[in-house]
Amino acid sequence: MSVVDGVAGKAVASGPGDPGPRRLTSRMRLTLVVLLVAQFMLAVDFSILNVALPVIGEGLGFSLGGLQWIATSFALCAAGFTLLFGRVADLFGRRRLFLAGLAVLGLASLAGGLATSPQVLVLARVLQGLATAAVTPAGLSLLTTSFPEGPLREKALGLNGALMSAGFTTGAVLGGVLTDLLSWRWSFFINVPVAAAVLVIAPMVLAESRPGVRPRLDLPGALSVTLGLLAVVFGFTRAGGHGWSDPTALAVLATGVLLLVAFYFVERESPAPLVPVSVLARRSVAWGNVAGVLAFVTETSLVFLMTLYLQEVLGFSPLAAGLSFGVLGLGTVLGGTVAPRVIAATGTRATLVTGALVQTVATAALLLLGTTAHSLALLLPATFVGGVGNMLLIVGFMVTATSGLPDHEQGMATGLATMSQQIGITMGTPVMSAVATGAMTTTTVTGVLGGIRTAVAADTALVLVAALTSALFLRARTTR
């Protein structure tokens, strides 16, 4: 009996040559809800504390330099350990790791909300990051193995992508609302009941899945890729705060790149590789993940740049700026909803390219923003259209990077896809912050706007790269 059988019941079993069920059963819908709620909660955690950072710093006595570690400690663990935990899920059970990660997330969130010192808060964020690194790939691999490849999986991935993107935007809004109306501590506490509810329901609807024969864990590969990712993410974060000429940032980045190169050679010789080189050589995996990194880099950085624009150029409050991104959220939900239909009609490569080109045009339009509130007439529709395009790109990436692989490699494939997502989310803000800051000639409104325009131009170029690489290096239809 397949994984889909275990989740959705024997009535929907499928065999070789059988495309599987055409419609979601009631139990499949419940499975989807459970997994999507967990993934949405994780996406919210990436941005929910951004608005509250100054208030947290004052309340717990963080130094100005130490404040960044509230975000950095989470991002380092979430990105650095994702690939490792994706493989661990393959070896020891995806549902088991999913539930364990959710339990850790709930406890860490409770500890963060009750924290009375900077050390306790940062430790809670580290544990939240580790839990995210475990739950995200395990949840995504459960999603891909619970739905047969084809329309149902594409629909599930479309909804997942839409909620992940909307979660990032929702986190910024929700963090401002909770901080203003209650306390920053509720940005942590809100996870606790959600995690508890998922922990109660998930064991009843999710089937365990793991290979019959358990291979050895590739420890040298795990160490090299984890340390390499940690170094790369820390290097980019350091460069965002200290500039691209900072020797520590450059040294750490170089070390990270060397470790990732070493990881490739380790995998070539390993009898039980963490990521088989043959899988990395697949065009769908390699170039799909390139598109994924660029999709998340450009989306998260654009939210940062437009927040900077709304607050520093137009004078909006943090909460008003956050609420302005509701339009972007609507665009991402619409894009995630229509993406499966676009993929079914045109294929994943066409969807990737179309989404990237739509996002490119919408982002380029933001170069025309001015210094008055009249620019909202351009910003709101441009971010809406850009959200639709970005979600077409993200769903196309998710389907491309996880298709055509056997179930026993889905955890690894989704681990790679999730790693791309986490790295993109983590890198976007520090990279574009450094670009914008470096281009600001003065601290006046026009000087700040000039720096933002330079970063928006860089953002536009990156999305165009995603379109070009997808068009040139992916096969015409990767899901059929």
Protein backbone atom coordinates (compact mmCIF):
# COMPACT_ATOMS: atom_id res chain seq x y z
CA MET A 1 0.00 0.00 0.00
CA SER A 2 1.37 3.38 -0.98
CA VAL A 3 1.73 6.46 1.20
CA VAL A 4 -1.32 7.92 -0.48
CA ASP A 5 -3.25 4.78 0.45
CA GLY A 6 -2.28 5.18 4.09
CA VAL A 7 -3.41 8.77 4.20
CA ALA A 8 -6.51 8.75 2.10
CA GLY A 9 -7.80 5.19 2.44
CA LYS A 10 -7.70 2.09 0.27
CA ALA A 11 -10.46 3.40 -1.94
CA VAL A 12 -8.03 5.78 -3.59
CA ALA A 13 -5.15 3.36 -4.03
CA SER A 14 -3.23 3.69 -7.22
CA GLY A 15 -0.90 1.42 -9.03
CA PRO A 16 1.55 1.71 -11.91
CA GLY A 17 -0.03 3.56 -14.79
CA ASP A 18 -2.93 4.69 -12.61
CA PRO A 19 -3.00 8.49 -12.26
CA GLY A 20 -4.72 8.14 -8.88
CA PRO A 21 -7.75 10.01 -7.56
CA ARG A 22 -8.92 13.04 -9.49
CA ARG A 23 -10.59 14.75 -6.54
CA LEU A 24 -9.66 15.27 -2.94
CA THR A 25 -11.37 12.93 -0.51
CA SER A 26 -12.57 14.29 2.84
CA ARG A 27 -9.60 12.76 4.62
CA MET A 28 -7.17 14.16 2.06
CA ARG A 29 -8.69 17.58 2.67
CA LEU A 30 -8.13 17.22 6.40
CA THR A 31 -4.56 16.09 5.76
CA LEU A 32 -4.05 19.15 3.58
CA VAL A 33 -5.50 21.50 6.21
CA VAL A 34 -3.25 20.08 8.95
CA LEU A 35 -0.09 20.41 6.86
CA LEU A 36 -0.96 23.85 5.50
CA VAL A 37 -1.76 25.26 8.95
CA ALA A 38 1.65 24.12 10.18
CA GLN A 39 3.47 25.57 7.17
CA PHE A 40 1.58 28.87 7.42
CA MET A 41 2.52 29.17 11.09
CA LEU A 42 6.20 28.64 10.22
CA ALA A 43 6.05 31.30 7.50
CA VAL A 44 4.49 33.79 9.93
CA ASP A 45 7.37 33.20 12.36
CA PHE A 46 9.89 34.54 9.81
CA SER A 47 8.47 38.05 9.97
CA ILE A 48 6.21 38.37 13.01
CA LEU A 49 8.94 39.86 15.23
CA ASN A 50 10.27 42.41 12.73
CA VAL A 51 8.03 45.28 13.85
CA ALA A 52 8.42 44.34 17.52
CA LEU A 53 12.23 44.26 17.64
CA PRO A 54 12.74 47.76 19.11
CA VAL A 55 10.10 47.10 21.79
CA ILE A 56 11.67 43.73 22.68
CA GLY A 57 15.08 45.37 22.90
CA GLU A 58 13.84 47.97 25.36
CA GLY A 59 11.88 45.45 27.42
CA LEU A 60 14.66 42.87 27.84
CA GLY A 61 17.73 45.09 27.70
CA PHE A 62 19.23 44.02 24.36
CA SER A 63 22.19 46.06 23.19
CA LEU A 64 21.83 47.71 19.77
CA GLY A 65 24.25 45.23 18.25
CA GLY A 66 22.66 42.27 20.00
CA LEU A 67 19.16 43.02 18.72
CA GLN A 68 19.89 41.52 15.30
CA TRP A 69 20.44 38.11 16.90
CA ILE A 70 16.71 37.80 17.57
CA ALA A 71 16.25 37.39 13.81
CA THR A 72 19.68 36.00 12.91
CA SER A 73 19.67 33.12 15.41
CA PHE A 74 16.35 31.91 13.99
CA ALA A 75 17.39 32.31 10.35
CA LEU A 76 20.74 30.57 10.80
CA CYS A 77 19.17 27.42 12.23
CA ALA A 78 16.15 27.43 9.92
CA ALA A 79 18.34 27.56 6.81
CA GLY A 80 21.42 25.70 8.01
CA PHE A 81 19.78 22.50 9.24
CA THR A 82 16.97 22.13 6.70
CA LEU A 83 18.73 19.74 4.31
CA LEU A 84 20.01 17.58 7.16
CA PHE A 85 16.57 17.28 8.74
CA GLY A 86 15.00 16.59 5.34
CA ARG A 87 17.21 13.51 5.07
CA VAL A 88 16.62 12.56 8.70
CA ALA A 89 12.89 12.59 7.90
CA ASP A 90 13.52 10.13 5.06
CA LEU A 91 15.49 7.80 7.31
CA PHE A 92 13.59 7.87 10.60
CA GLY A 93 10.05 8.82 9.62
CA ARG A 94 8.53 12.01 8.26
CA ARG A 95 5.51 12.06 10.53
CA ARG A 96 7.70 11.37 13.57
CA LEU A 97 10.01 14.30 12.80
CA PHE A 98 7.05 16.54 11.89
CA LEU A 99 5.39 15.93 15.25
CA ALA A 100 8.64 16.20 17.24
CA GLY A 101 9.46 19.49 15.54
CA LEU A 102 6.01 20.90 16.27
CA ALA A 103 6.35 19.95 19.94
CA VAL A 104 9.72 21.74 20.13
CA LEU A 105 8.24 24.76 18.33
CA GLY A 106 5.37 25.01 20.82
CA LEU A 107 7.67 24.75 23.84
CA ALA A 108 10.21 27.19 22.37
CA SER A 109 7.45 29.70 21.62
CA LEU A 110 6.17 29.43 25.18
CA ALA A 111 9.71 29.98 26.50
CA GLY A 112 10.18 32.98 24.21
CA GLY A 113 6.94 34.57 25.37
CA LEU A 114 7.94 34.12 29.02
CA ALA A 115 11.58 35.21 28.53
CA THR A 116 12.98 37.72 31.01
CA SER A 117 16.53 37.99 29.61
CA PRO A 118 18.16 38.31 26.18
CA GLN A 119 19.88 34.93 26.59
CA VAL A 120 16.61 33.05 27.12
CA LEU A 121 14.96 34.80 24.19
CA VAL A 122 17.81 34.03 21.78
CA LEU A 123 17.85 30.40 22.94
CA ALA A 124 14.11 30.22 22.27
CA ARG A 125 14.69 31.60 18.77
CA VAL A 126 17.43 29.02 18.16
CA LEU A 127 15.01 26.24 19.12
CA GLN A 128 12.30 27.79 16.95
CA GLY A 129 14.74 27.81 14.03
CA LEU A 130 15.70 24.17 14.58
CA ALA A 131 12.02 23.22 14.82
CA THR A 132 11.32 25.07 11.57
CA ALA A 133 14.22 23.24 9.89
CA ALA A 134 12.63 19.93 10.96
CA VAL A 135 8.94 20.64 10.39
CA THR A 136 9.17 22.41 7.02
CA PRO A 137 10.85 19.66 4.94
CA ALA A 138 9.04 16.88 6.82
CA GLY A 139 5.69 18.61 6.26
CA LEU A 140 6.43 19.31 2.60
CA SER A 141 7.55 15.72 1.95
CA LEU A 142 4.38 14.46 3.68
CA LEU A 143 2.46 16.75 1.36
CA THR A 144 4.14 15.46 -1.80
CA THR A 145 3.87 11.79 -0.78
CA SER A 146 0.26 12.15 0.38
CA PHE A 147 -0.93 13.31 -3.03
CA PRO A 148 -0.16 11.55 -6.34
CA GLU A 149 2.00 13.38 -8.85
CA GLY A 150 -0.23 15.36 -11.17
CA PRO A 151 -3.18 17.74 -10.66
CA LEU A 152 -3.82 16.91 -7.00
CA ARG A 153 -0.19 17.40 -5.97
CA GLU A 154 0.03 20.59 -8.02
CA LYS A 155 -3.10 21.92 -6.31
CA ALA A 156 -1.69 21.04 -2.87
CA LEU A 157 1.67 22.65 -3.67
CA GLY A 158 -0.10 25.71 -5.06
CA LEU A 159 -2.03 26.19 -1.84
CA ASN A 160 1.12 25.54 0.18
CA GLY A 161 3.09 28.13 -1.77
CA ALA A 162 0.31 30.69 -1.51
CA LEU A 163 0.03 30.29 2.25
CA MET A 164 3.80 30.34 2.75
CA SER A 165 4.06 33.61 0.87
CA ALA A 166 0.93 35.06 2.48
CA GLY A 167 2.27 33.95 5.87
CA PHE A 168 5.38 36.06 5.46
CA THR A 169 3.23 39.11 4.72
CA THR A 170 0.72 38.25 7.45
CA GLY A 171 3.52 37.97 10.00
CA ALA A 172 4.50 41.61 9.44
CA VAL A 173 0.91 42.78 9.90
CA LEU A 174 0.12 40.45 12.80
CA GLY A 175 3.30 41.38 14.66
CA GLY A 176 2.35 45.06 14.55
CA VAL A 177 -1.22 44.41 15.67
CA LEU A 178 -0.24 42.15 18.57
CA THR A 179 2.52 44.48 19.73
CA ASP A 180 0.28 47.56 19.59
CA LEU A 181 -2.82 46.00 21.16
CA LEU A 182 -1.40 43.41 23.57
CA SER A 183 2.33 42.80 23.92
CA TRP A 184 5.26 41.57 21.85
CA ARG A 185 5.08 38.38 23.92
CA TRP A 186 1.93 37.38 22.04
CA SER A 187 4.03 37.12 18.89
CA PHE A 188 5.42 34.00 20.59
CA PHE A 189 2.33 32.83 22.48
CA ILE A 190 0.18 32.67 19.34
CA ASN A 191 2.14 29.60 18.19
CA VAL A 192 1.34 27.56 21.27
CA PRO A 193 -2.39 26.79 20.73
CA VAL A 194 -1.86 26.30 16.99
CA ALA A 195 0.97 23.81 17.53
CA ALA A 196 -1.07 22.01 20.20
CA ALA A 197 -4.09 21.68 17.89
CA VAL A 198 -1.98 20.29 15.04
CA LEU A 199 -0.27 17.84 17.43
CA VAL A 200 -3.68 16.50 18.48
CA ILE A 201 -5.11 16.12 14.97
CA ALA A 202 -2.03 15.15 12.91
CA PRO A 203 -1.51 11.61 14.32
CA MET A 204 -5.08 10.76 13.31
CA VAL A 205 -4.74 11.78 9.64
CA LEU A 206 -1.05 11.50 8.72
CA ALA A 207 0.44 8.12 7.85
CA GLU A 208 4.08 7.41 8.69
CA SER A 209 6.42 6.93 5.74
CA ARG A 210 10.05 5.82 5.63
CA PRO A 211 12.09 3.38 3.54
CA GLY A 212 11.95 -0.33 4.37
CA VAL A 213 15.75 -0.53 4.59
CA ARG A 214 17.36 2.30 6.54
CA PRO A 215 20.65 3.49 4.97
CA ARG A 216 23.44 5.07 6.96
CA LEU A 217 23.39 8.79 7.57
CA ASP A 218 26.12 10.56 5.60
CA LEU A 219 27.82 12.32 8.52
CA PRO A 220 30.67 14.01 6.54
CA GLY A 221 28.14 15.31 4.02
CA ALA A 222 25.78 16.45 6.78
CA LEU A 223 28.56 18.34 8.58
CA SER A 224 29.97 20.01 5.47
CA VAL A 225 26.61 21.18 4.08
CA THR A 226 25.25 22.31 7.46
CA LEU A 227 28.40 24.25 8.39
CA GLY A 228 28.60 25.63 4.85
CA LEU A 229 25.02 26.88 4.91
CA LEU A 230 25.46 28.35 8.38
CA ALA A 231 28.55 30.21 7.17
CA VAL A 232 26.86 31.51 4.00
CA VAL A 233 23.74 32.70 5.81
CA PHE A 234 25.78 34.33 8.59
CA GLY A 235 28.09 35.94 6.03
CA PHE A 236 25.18 37.51 4.14
CA THR A 237 23.58 38.66 7.38
CA ARG A 238 26.87 40.15 8.56
CA ALA A 239 27.38 41.91 5.22
CA GLY A 240 23.86 43.36 5.43
CA GLY A 241 24.68 44.95 8.78
CA HIS A 242 28.35 45.89 8.29
CA GLY A 243 28.68 46.35 4.52
CA TRP A 244 30.19 44.20 1.79
CA SER A 245 33.74 45.35 2.58
CA ASP A 246 33.61 43.86 6.09
CA PRO A 247 36.52 41.36 6.32
CA THR A 248 34.67 39.04 8.69
CA ALA A 249 31.68 38.80 6.35
CA LEU A 250 33.94 38.09 3.35
CA ALA A 251 35.98 35.48 5.23
CA VAL A 252 32.88 33.68 6.50
CA LEU A 253 31.27 33.73 3.05
CA ALA A 254 34.45 32.31 1.47
CA THR A 255 34.56 29.57 4.12
CA GLY A 256 30.92 28.72 3.45
CA VAL A 257 31.50 28.45 -0.30
CA LEU A 258 34.52 26.18 0.24
CA LEU A 259 32.51 23.93 2.56
CA LEU A 260 29.70 23.65 0.02
CA VAL A 261 32.23 22.75 -2.70
CA ALA A 262 33.66 20.15 -0.33
CA PHE A 263 30.13 18.83 0.21
CA TYR A 264 29.81 18.15 -3.52
CA PHE A 265 33.00 16.09 -3.60
CA VAL A 266 32.05 14.25 -0.40
CA GLU A 267 28.74 13.26 -1.99
CA ARG A 268 30.50 11.95 -5.09
CA GLU A 269 32.44 9.43 -3.00
CA SER A 270 29.92 8.60 -0.27
CA PRO A 271 28.31 5.12 -0.38
CA ALA A 272 25.13 6.59 1.19
CA PRO A 273 25.15 10.27 0.15
CA LEU A 274 22.96 12.86 1.80
CA VAL A 275 22.14 14.15 -1.67
CA PRO A 276 23.09 11.83 -4.54
CA VAL A 277 25.07 13.68 -7.20
CA SER A 278 22.83 12.04 -9.80
CA VAL A 279 19.87 13.89 -8.26
CA LEU A 280 21.75 17.19 -8.19
CA ALA A 281 22.54 16.62 -11.87
CA ARG A 282 18.82 16.54 -12.76
CA ARG A 283 17.91 19.74 -14.54
CA SER A 284 14.56 19.91 -12.79
CA VAL A 285 16.20 19.75 -9.36
CA ALA A 286 19.18 22.01 -10.07
CA TRP A 287 17.53 24.79 -12.07
CA GLY A 288 14.23 24.48 -10.25
CA ASN A 289 16.03 25.29 -7.01
CA VAL A 290 17.90 28.19 -8.62
CA ALA A 291 14.53 29.67 -9.54
CA GLY A 292 13.29 29.00 -6.01
CA VAL A 293 16.15 30.85 -4.34
CA LEU A 294 15.66 33.84 -6.63
CA ALA A 295 11.88 33.80 -6.11
CA PHE A 296 12.17 34.05 -2.33
CA VAL A 297 15.14 36.46 -2.38
CA THR A 298 13.21 38.91 -4.54
CA GLU A 299 9.90 38.61 -2.68
CA THR A 300 11.22 39.05 0.84
CA SER A 301 13.62 41.80 -0.16
CA LEU A 302 10.83 43.68 -1.95
CA VAL A 303 8.71 43.60 1.22
CA PHE A 304 11.69 45.10 3.08
CA LEU A 305 12.34 47.75 0.43
CA MET A 306 8.70 48.81 0.21
CA THR A 307 8.45 48.91 4.02
CA LEU A 308 11.48 51.22 3.99
CA TYR A 309 9.86 53.32 1.27
CA LEU A 310 6.52 53.63 3.05
CA GLN A 311 8.08 54.56 6.40
CA GLU A 312 11.13 56.61 5.44
CA VAL A 313 9.89 58.30 2.26
CA LEU A 314 6.11 58.56 2.73
CA GLY A 315 6.16 58.69 6.55
CA PHE A 316 3.81 55.78 7.27
CA SER A 317 3.70 54.15 10.69
CA PRO A 318 4.97 50.55 10.94
CA LEU A 319 1.42 49.23 11.32
CA ALA A 320 0.11 51.26 8.37
CA ALA A 321 3.03 50.08 6.25
CA GLY A 322 2.32 46.50 7.20
CA LEU A 323 -1.37 46.82 6.35
CA SER A 324 -0.42 48.14 2.92
CA PHE A 325 0.97 44.72 2.11
CA GLY A 326 -2.49 43.19 2.36
CA VAL A 327 -2.72 43.87 -1.38
CA LEU A 328 0.46 41.84 -1.96
CA GLY A 329 -1.03 39.06 0.16
CA LEU A 330 -4.16 38.99 -2.01
CA GLY A 331 -1.98 38.76 -5.11
CA THR A 332 -0.05 35.79 -3.73
CA VAL A 333 -3.26 33.97 -2.76
CA LEU A 334 -4.67 34.51 -6.27
CA GLY A 335 -1.40 33.37 -7.84
CA GLY A 336 -1.30 30.25 -5.70
CA THR A 337 -4.90 29.45 -6.61
CA VAL A 338 -4.48 29.74 -10.38
CA ALA A 339 -0.95 28.26 -10.57
CA PRO A 340 -2.07 24.58 -10.73
CA ARG A 341 -4.38 25.40 -13.65
CA VAL A 342 -1.62 27.25 -15.46
CA ILE A 343 0.75 24.31 -14.91
CA ALA A 344 -1.86 21.84 -16.16
CA ALA A 345 -2.41 23.93 -19.29
CA THR A 346 1.15 24.94 -20.14
CA GLY A 347 3.67 22.91 -18.09
CA THR A 348 6.00 23.98 -15.31
CA ARG A 349 8.65 25.67 -17.44
CA ALA A 350 6.10 27.96 -19.06
CA THR A 351 4.63 28.70 -15.62
CA LEU A 352 8.05 29.53 -14.18
CA VAL A 353 8.95 31.80 -17.08
CA THR A 354 5.54 33.50 -17.17
CA GLY A 355 5.53 34.12 -13.43
CA ALA A 356 9.06 35.49 -13.46
CA LEU A 357 8.34 37.81 -16.39
CA VAL A 358 5.14 39.12 -14.77
CA GLN A 359 7.05 39.74 -11.53
CA THR A 360 9.88 41.42 -13.49
CA VAL A 361 7.52 43.91 -15.13
CA ALA A 362 5.69 44.64 -11.87
CA THR A 363 8.94 45.15 -9.95
CA ALA A 364 10.39 47.39 -12.68
CA ALA A 365 7.27 49.59 -12.42
CA LEU A 366 8.27 50.42 -8.84
CA LEU A 367 11.26 52.32 -10.19
CA LEU A 368 8.76 55.10 -10.96
CA LEU A 369 7.77 55.63 -7.30
CA GLY A 370 8.02 59.23 -6.12
CA THR A 371 8.05 61.13 -2.83
CA THR A 372 4.32 61.80 -2.46
CA ALA A 373 1.39 59.63 -1.39
CA HIS A 374 0.13 59.70 -5.00
CA SER A 375 2.65 56.91 -5.62
CA LEU A 376 0.34 54.50 -3.78
CA ALA A 377 -1.72 54.43 -7.00
CA LEU A 378 1.30 52.71 -8.58
CA LEU A 379 2.62 50.74 -5.59
CA LEU A 380 -0.58 48.89 -4.71
CA PRO A 381 -1.43 47.47 -8.16
CA ALA A 382 2.24 46.76 -8.89
CA THR A 383 2.68 44.75 -5.70
CA PHE A 384 -0.59 42.91 -6.37
CA VAL A 385 0.48 41.91 -9.89
CA GLY A 386 3.98 41.12 -8.66
CA GLY A 387 2.48 38.86 -5.98
CA VAL A 388 0.58 36.90 -8.62
CA GLY A 389 3.71 36.49 -10.73
CA ASN A 390 5.88 35.57 -7.75
CA MET A 391 3.44 32.86 -6.71
CA LEU A 392 3.35 31.36 -10.21
CA LEU A 393 7.14 31.25 -9.99
CA ILE A 394 7.15 29.70 -6.50
CA VAL A 395 4.57 27.00 -7.26
CA GLY A 396 6.31 26.21 -10.53
CA PHE A 397 9.57 25.84 -8.63
CA MET A 398 8.05 23.58 -5.98
CA VAL A 399 6.47 21.26 -8.55
CA THR A 400 9.58 21.21 -10.75
CA ALA A 401 12.02 20.49 -7.93
CA THR A 402 9.98 17.64 -6.41
CA SER A 403 8.63 15.87 -9.51
CA GLY A 404 9.91 12.73 -11.19
CA LEU A 405 11.50 11.31 -8.01
CA PRO A 406 10.54 8.13 -6.11
CA ASP A 407 8.86 8.49 -2.72
CA HIS A 408 11.98 7.44 -0.82
CA GLU A 409 13.81 10.50 -2.21
CA GLN A 410 10.97 12.96 -1.63
CA GLY A 411 12.31 14.03 1.77
CA MET A 412 15.67 14.81 0.21
CA ALA A 413 14.08 16.65 -2.72
CA THR A 414 11.74 18.65 -0.50
CA GLY A 415 14.67 19.29 1.85
CA LEU A 416 16.55 20.86 -1.06
CA ALA A 417 13.48 22.86 -2.08
CA THR A 418 12.90 24.01 1.49
CA MET A 419 16.58 24.87 1.89
CA SER A 420 16.29 27.05 -1.22
CA GLN A 421 13.21 28.70 0.27
CA GLN A 422 14.88 29.31 3.65
CA ILE A 423 18.09 30.64 2.10
CA GLY A 424 16.10 32.94 -0.17
CA ILE A 425 14.04 34.30 2.72
CA THR A 426 17.17 34.74 4.83
CA MET A 427 19.35 36.33 2.16
CA GLY A 428 16.83 38.70 0.61
CA THR A 429 16.71 41.41 3.27
CA PRO A 430 20.44 41.68 4.14
CA VAL A 431 21.52 41.63 0.49
CA MET A 432 19.10 44.33 -0.64
CA SER A 433 19.62 46.30 2.55
CA ALA A 434 23.32 46.47 1.73
CA VAL A 435 22.59 47.46 -1.88
CA ALA A 436 20.12 50.18 -0.85
CA THR A 437 22.34 51.55 1.93
CA GLY A 438 25.40 51.64 -0.31
CA ALA A 439 23.52 53.60 -2.96
CA MET A 440 22.12 56.24 -0.59
CA THR A 441 24.04 59.44 -1.18
CA THR A 442 22.31 61.29 1.68
CA THR A 443 19.86 60.56 4.50
CA THR A 444 17.26 62.91 3.02
CA VAL A 445 14.04 61.62 1.51
CA THR A 446 15.45 61.86 -2.02
CA GLY A 447 18.68 60.15 -0.95
CA VAL A 448 16.79 57.26 0.64
CA LEU A 449 14.55 56.97 -2.43
CA GLY A 450 17.62 56.82 -4.68
CA GLY A 451 19.02 53.90 -2.67
CA ILE A 452 15.68 52.09 -2.78
CA ARG A 453 15.46 52.52 -6.56
CA THR A 454 18.92 51.01 -6.99
CA ALA A 455 17.93 47.98 -4.91
CA VAL A 456 14.63 47.64 -6.81
CA ALA A 457 16.60 47.62 -10.05
CA ALA A 458 18.81 44.83 -8.66
CA ASP A 459 15.69 42.96 -7.57
CA THR A 460 14.26 43.29 -11.07
CA ALA A 461 17.46 41.91 -12.59
CA LEU A 462 17.40 38.85 -10.30
CA VAL A 463 13.82 37.96 -11.28
CA LEU A 464 14.79 38.29 -14.93
CA VAL A 465 17.67 35.86 -14.31
CA ALA A 466 15.13 33.36 -12.94
CA ALA A 467 13.08 33.72 -16.14
CA LEU A 468 16.11 33.27 -18.40
CA THR A 469 17.60 30.26 -16.59
CA SER A 470 14.21 28.51 -16.48
CA ALA A 471 13.63 29.16 -20.19
CA LEU A 472 17.10 28.00 -21.23
CA PHE A 473 17.81 25.04 -18.97
CA LEU A 474 14.50 23.37 -18.10
CA ARG A 475 12.70 20.96 -20.39
CA ALA A 476 9.50 22.19 -21.97
CA ARG A 477 7.16 20.14 -19.73
CA THR A 478 8.73 18.78 -16.54
CA THR A 479 5.57 17.34 -14.99
CA ARG A 480 4.15 15.33 -17.85
